[in-house]
Amino acid sequence: MSVPFALFTHCGIYEARVQDTFFVADQPLDDGNGNPPAGWGNPYQSGTITVTGQRAVFHDDLGHTVTFHERPGATTFLKICA
């Protein structure tokens, strides 16, 4: 089931937190300077996320798709954006 989701993109697309579960992007995305790639919102991109087992997939109306995998036992993000 897909639910509305605001993906944090400010320092690139690396991780997502869905409820209390942390996920890391299978293929992180940024512009090479620590920002989201061209065509992505900043600091957030609105869309939906679907969690199935240890996988989460983000989609938006612009055609962006990012697949994440769970980080079992994680309690915080790997990288804190300044």
C-alpha atoms as a PDB file:
ATOM      1  CA  MET A   1       0.000   0.000   0.000  1.00  0.00           C
ATOM      2  CA  SER A   2       1.359   3.407  -0.992  1.00  0.00           C
ATOM      3  CA  VAL A   3       1.138   6.271   1.473  1.00  0.00           C
ATOM      4  CA  PRO A   4       1.857   9.986   0.974  1.00  0.00           C
ATOM      5  CA  PHE A   5       5.487  10.754   1.744  1.00  0.00           C
ATOM      6  CA  ALA A   6       7.728  13.835   1.819  1.00  0.00           C
ATOM      7  CA  LEU A   7      11.227  12.599   0.910  1.00  0.00           C
ATOM      8  CA  PHE A   8      13.997  14.731   2.444  1.00  0.00           C
ATOM      9  CA  THR A   9      16.248  15.754  -0.453  1.00  0.00           C
ATOM     10  CA  HIS A  10      18.164  18.779   0.855  1.00  0.00           C
ATOM     11  CA  CYS A  11      21.638  17.160   0.860  1.00  0.00           C
ATOM     12  CA  GLY A  12      20.902  14.589  -1.825  1.00  0.00           C
ATOM     13  CA  ILE A  13      18.826  11.441  -1.731  1.00  0.00           C
ATOM     14  CA  TYR A  14      20.497   8.889   0.507  1.00  0.00           C
ATOM     15  CA  GLU A  15      18.076   7.747   3.169  1.00  0.00           C
ATOM     16  CA  ALA A  16      14.443   7.646   4.202  1.00  0.00           C
ATOM     17  CA  ARG A  17      12.718   7.112   7.510  1.00  0.00           C
ATOM     18  CA  VAL A  18       9.321   5.456   7.368  1.00  0.00           C
ATOM     19  CA  GLN A  19       7.714   5.417  10.807  1.00  0.00           C
ATOM     20  CA  ASP A  20      10.536   4.025  12.985  1.00  0.00           C
ATOM     21  CA  THR A  21      12.408   2.179  10.222  1.00  0.00           C
ATOM     22  CA  PHE A  22      15.462   3.618   8.472  1.00  0.00           C
ATOM     23  CA  PHE A  23      16.159   2.815   4.823  1.00  0.00           C
ATOM     24  CA  VAL A  24      19.178   3.581   2.639  1.00  0.00           C
ATOM     25  CA  ALA A  25      18.953   4.264  -1.100  1.00  0.00           C
ATOM     26  CA  ASP A  26      20.109   1.457  -3.376  1.00  0.00           C
ATOM     27  CA  GLN A  27      21.543   4.152  -5.684  1.00  0.00           C
ATOM     28  CA  PRO A  28      22.065   7.459  -3.845  1.00  0.00           C
ATOM     29  CA  LEU A  29      21.337  10.579  -5.888  1.00  0.00           C
ATOM     30  CA  ASP A  30      22.871  14.047  -5.716  1.00  0.00           C
ATOM     31  CA  ASP A  31      24.222  16.748  -8.006  1.00  0.00           C
ATOM     32  CA  GLY A  32      27.848  16.189  -6.995  1.00  0.00           C
ATOM     33  CA  ASN A  33      27.741  19.141  -4.606  1.00  0.00           C
ATOM     34  CA  GLY A  34      25.565  17.680  -1.854  1.00  0.00           C
ATOM     35  CA  ASN A  35      22.251  18.856  -3.298  1.00  0.00           C
ATOM     36  CA  PRO A  36      19.376  16.971  -4.894  1.00  0.00           C
ATOM     37  CA  PRO A  37      19.721  16.309  -8.628  1.00  0.00           C
ATOM     38  CA  ALA A  38      18.177  18.736 -11.106  1.00  0.00           C
ATOM     39  CA  GLY A  39      14.411  18.337 -11.269  1.00  0.00           C
ATOM     40  CA  TRP A  40      14.004  17.365  -7.621  1.00  0.00           C
ATOM     41  CA  GLY A  41      12.440  19.573  -4.942  1.00  0.00           C
ATOM     42  CA  ASN A  42      14.577  21.023  -2.175  1.00  0.00           C
ATOM     43  CA  PRO A  43      14.349  20.433   0.794  1.00  0.00           C
ATOM     44  CA  TYR A  44      11.572  17.870   0.145  1.00  0.00           C
ATOM     45  CA  GLN A  45       9.989  16.018  -2.780  1.00  0.00           C
ATOM     46  CA  SER A  46       6.354  15.051  -2.347  1.00  0.00           C
ATOM     47  CA  GLY A  47       5.219  11.648  -3.519  1.00  0.00           C
ATOM     48  CA  THR A  48       4.295   8.247  -2.158  1.00  0.00           C
ATOM     49  CA  ILE A  49       6.241   5.437  -0.582  1.00  0.00           C
ATOM     50  CA  THR A  50       5.465   1.740  -0.551  1.00  0.00           C
ATOM     51  CA  VAL A  51       7.121  -0.551   1.996  1.00  0.00           C
ATOM     52  CA  THR A  52       7.230  -4.255   1.237  1.00  0.00           C
ATOM     53  CA  GLY A  53       9.314  -6.310   3.644  1.00  0.00           C
ATOM     54  CA  GLN A  54      12.790  -4.775   3.817  1.00  0.00           C
ATOM     55  CA  ARG A  55      12.280  -2.648   0.709  1.00  0.00           C
ATOM     56  CA  ALA A  56      10.733   0.804   0.275  1.00  0.00           C
ATOM     57  CA  VAL A  57      10.032   2.456  -3.076  1.00  0.00           C
ATOM     58  CA  PHE A  58       9.404   6.198  -3.473  1.00  0.00           C
ATOM     59  CA  HIS A  59       7.476   7.520  -6.492  1.00  0.00           C
ATOM     60  CA  ASP A  60       6.326  11.011  -7.424  1.00  0.00           C
ATOM     61  CA  ASP A  61       4.149  12.587 -10.116  1.00  0.00           C
ATOM     62  CA  LEU A  62       7.261  13.684 -12.081  1.00  0.00           C
ATOM     63  CA  GLY A  63       8.337  10.095 -12.689  1.00  0.00           C
ATOM     64  CA  HIS A  64      11.098   9.929 -10.081  1.00  0.00           C
ATOM     65  CA  THR A  65      11.581   6.532  -8.454  1.00  0.00           C
ATOM     66  CA  VAL A  66      14.028   5.633  -5.698  1.00  0.00           C
ATOM     67  CA  THR A  67      14.380   2.177  -4.167  1.00  0.00           C
ATOM     68  CA  PHE A  68      15.613   1.843  -0.587  1.00  0.00           C
ATOM     69  CA  HIS A  69      16.535  -1.135   1.561  1.00  0.00           C
ATOM     70  CA  GLU A  70      16.099  -1.414   5.311  1.00  0.00           C
ATOM     71  CA  ARG A  71      18.951  -0.874   7.740  1.00  0.00           C
ATOM     72  CA  PRO A  72      17.983  -3.401  10.441  1.00  0.00           C
ATOM     73  CA  GLY A  73      18.514  -2.089  13.970  1.00  0.00           C
ATOM     74  CA  ALA A  74      19.230   1.492  12.833  1.00  0.00           C
ATOM     75  CA  THR A  75      18.098   4.190  15.250  1.00  0.00           C
ATOM     76  CA  THR A  76      19.270   7.270  13.357  1.00  0.00           C
ATOM     77  CA  PHE A  77      20.351   8.427   9.916  1.00  0.00           C
ATOM     78  CA  LEU A  78      23.825   7.522   8.637  1.00  0.00           C
ATOM     79  CA  LYS A  79      24.437  11.136   7.601  1.00  0.00           C
ATOM     80  CA  ILE A  80      23.034  14.236   9.249  1.00  0.00           C
ATOM     81  CA  CYS A  81      22.528  17.068   6.776  1.00  0.00           C
ATOM     82  CA  ALA A  82      23.757  20.478   7.905  1.00  0.00           C
END
